[in-house]
């Protein structure tokens, strides 16, 4: 009969593989919500591993690698502490990495465009108003 509760089995499960696909690691660590989003971020050239730009989601990463990512208007630098074996709860995911540096990127953030002002109490524009505005601005 197998001993499923032994420390030896738990340790092997926690450590996971020695190397892992980058898109899978980003998903396991809950940096991004899906592997598709992770792959798209990598294909857009917004991820670096040990200062080298990564262009393939299948790039392997391991313990000790440093990731630099441009994500949500910020530049994040993370050090991989472990590779995961599953996408667990957030507390477990935070144990896979440590944040080395996080800073705002000046060029990525753009203030929202000016919003047209309405008379106080005018409410939302009607469909007819929107059509007239679109015709005036040349959008239709």
Protein backbone atom coordinates (compact mmCIF):
# COMPACT_ATOMS: atom_id res chain seq x y z
CA UNK A 1 0.00 0.00 0.00
CA UNK A 2 1.41 3.39 -1.01
CA UNK A 3 2.01 6.09 1.56
CA UNK A 4 0.46 9.18 -0.02
CA UNK A 5 1.03 11.44 2.95
CA UNK A 6 4.80 11.07 3.22
CA UNK A 7 7.12 14.07 3.19
CA UNK A 8 9.12 12.56 0.34
CA UNK A 9 6.10 12.56 -2.01
CA UNK A 10 5.06 16.09 -0.95
CA UNK A 11 8.54 17.47 -1.56
CA UNK A 12 8.67 16.02 -5.09
CA UNK A 13 5.26 17.50 -5.91
CA UNK A 14 6.12 20.97 -4.52
CA UNK A 15 9.39 21.29 -6.40
CA UNK A 16 7.91 20.54 -9.80
CA UNK A 17 10.04 20.11 -12.91
CA UNK A 18 13.47 21.74 -13.16
CA UNK A 19 12.55 23.64 -16.34
CA UNK A 20 9.20 24.79 -17.66
CA UNK A 21 7.70 26.61 -20.65
CA UNK A 22 7.57 30.36 -20.09
CA UNK A 23 3.89 30.74 -21.02
CA UNK A 24 2.97 27.90 -18.68
CA UNK A 25 5.02 29.39 -15.84
CA UNK A 26 3.36 32.81 -16.28
CA UNK A 27 -0.01 31.09 -16.04
CA UNK A 28 0.94 28.91 -13.05
CA UNK A 29 2.29 31.95 -11.18
CA UNK A 30 -0.97 33.83 -11.87
CA UNK A 31 0.84 36.72 -13.52
CA UNK A 32 -1.64 36.35 -16.41
CA UNK A 33 -5.11 34.83 -16.52
CA UNK A 34 -4.54 32.37 -19.37
CA UNK A 35 -1.77 30.72 -21.34
CA UNK A 36 -3.13 32.40 -24.45
CA UNK A 37 -2.60 35.85 -22.91
CA UNK A 38 0.87 34.79 -21.76
CA UNK A 39 1.77 33.58 -25.24
CA UNK A 40 0.50 36.82 -26.78
CA UNK A 41 2.56 38.91 -24.35
CA UNK A 42 5.65 36.92 -25.31
CA UNK A 43 4.93 37.12 -29.05
CA UNK A 44 4.51 40.90 -28.72
CA UNK A 45 8.12 41.02 -27.47
CA UNK A 46 7.24 42.37 -24.03
CA UNK A 47 9.08 39.69 -22.02
CA UNK A 48 12.81 39.22 -21.44
CA UNK A 49 14.54 36.31 -19.71
CA UNK A 50 17.94 37.16 -18.25
CA UNK A 51 17.98 40.38 -20.34
CA UNK A 52 17.46 38.49 -23.62
CA UNK A 53 14.25 39.17 -25.53
CA UNK A 54 12.02 36.12 -25.85
CA UNK A 55 9.95 35.59 -28.98
CA UNK A 56 8.68 32.03 -28.42
CA UNK A 57 6.19 31.00 -25.73
CA UNK A 58 7.97 27.63 -25.60
CA UNK A 59 11.15 29.19 -24.17
CA UNK A 60 12.16 27.21 -21.09
CA UNK A 61 12.76 28.92 -17.77
CA UNK A 62 14.04 27.57 -14.51
CA UNK A 63 14.87 28.49 -10.96
CA UNK A 64 17.04 31.61 -10.72
CA UNK A 65 16.05 33.12 -14.07
CA UNK A 66 15.11 36.81 -14.06
CA UNK A 67 12.07 37.95 -16.04
CA UNK A 68 11.53 41.53 -17.17
CA UNK A 69 8.00 42.27 -18.37
CA UNK A 70 6.10 45.29 -19.60
CA UNK A 71 2.67 44.62 -18.17
CA UNK A 72 -0.31 46.91 -17.46
CA UNK A 73 1.71 50.11 -17.90
CA UNK A 74 4.44 48.92 -15.53
CA UNK A 75 7.80 47.29 -15.93
CA UNK A 76 8.16 44.34 -13.57
CA UNK A 77 11.34 42.45 -12.79
CA UNK A 78 10.79 39.03 -11.21
CA UNK A 79 13.14 36.28 -10.08
CA UNK A 80 11.85 32.73 -10.48
CA UNK A 81 12.13 30.85 -7.19
CA UNK A 82 10.46 27.62 -8.32
CA UNK A 83 8.64 26.04 -11.22
CA UNK A 84 5.09 24.97 -10.55
CA UNK A 85 3.33 21.69 -11.08
CA UNK A 86 -0.19 23.16 -11.10
CA UNK A 87 -2.08 26.44 -11.11
CA UNK A 88 -2.88 26.59 -7.44
CA UNK A 89 -4.32 29.27 -5.20
CA UNK A 90 -2.79 32.79 -5.20
CA UNK A 91 -0.85 32.16 -1.99
CA UNK A 92 0.84 29.15 -3.59
CA UNK A 93 1.49 31.08 -6.82
CA UNK A 94 3.27 33.91 -4.97
CA UNK A 95 5.83 31.40 -3.71
CA UNK A 96 7.00 30.77 -7.29
CA UNK A 97 8.63 34.22 -7.66
CA UNK A 98 9.90 37.31 -5.90
CA UNK A 99 9.52 40.85 -7.15
CA UNK A 100 12.94 42.39 -7.70
CA UNK A 101 11.65 45.70 -9.04
CA UNK A 102 8.38 47.25 -10.19
CA UNK A 103 8.20 50.71 -11.72
CA UNK A 104 5.95 52.81 -13.89
CA UNK A 105 6.91 53.01 -17.53
CA UNK A 106 6.67 56.59 -18.70
CA UNK A 107 5.96 55.92 -22.37
CA UNK A 108 3.32 53.21 -21.99
CA UNK A 109 0.79 55.30 -20.06
CA UNK A 110 -1.24 57.84 -21.99
CA UNK A 111 -3.89 60.00 -20.37
CA UNK A 112 -7.43 59.45 -21.60
CA UNK A 113 -8.69 61.68 -24.37
CA UNK A 114 -10.75 64.70 -23.40
CA UNK A 115 -14.43 63.88 -22.99
CA UNK A 116 -17.02 66.14 -24.60
CA UNK A 117 -18.86 68.28 -22.05
CA UNK A 118 -22.65 68.33 -21.85
CA UNK A 119 -24.93 70.86 -20.30
CA UNK A 120 -25.67 70.03 -16.69
CA UNK A 121 -28.81 67.92 -16.52
CA UNK A 122 -28.74 67.10 -20.23
CA UNK A 123 -28.35 63.37 -19.52
CA UNK A 124 -27.09 60.84 -21.97
CA UNK A 125 -27.31 61.57 -25.67
CA UNK A 126 -30.07 59.90 -27.62
CA UNK A 127 -29.42 57.63 -30.54
CA UNK A 128 -30.27 60.50 -32.89
CA UNK A 129 -27.79 62.76 -31.07
CA UNK A 130 -25.07 60.15 -31.43
CA UNK A 131 -25.77 59.75 -35.15
CA UNK A 132 -25.53 63.50 -35.64
CA UNK A 133 -22.28 63.62 -33.68
CA UNK A 134 -20.83 60.75 -35.71
CA UNK A 135 -21.84 62.44 -38.95
CA UNK A 136 -20.28 65.72 -37.76
CA UNK A 137 -16.97 64.10 -36.78
CA UNK A 138 -16.86 62.01 -39.98
CA UNK A 139 -16.92 58.63 -38.26
CA UNK A 140 -19.80 57.38 -40.43
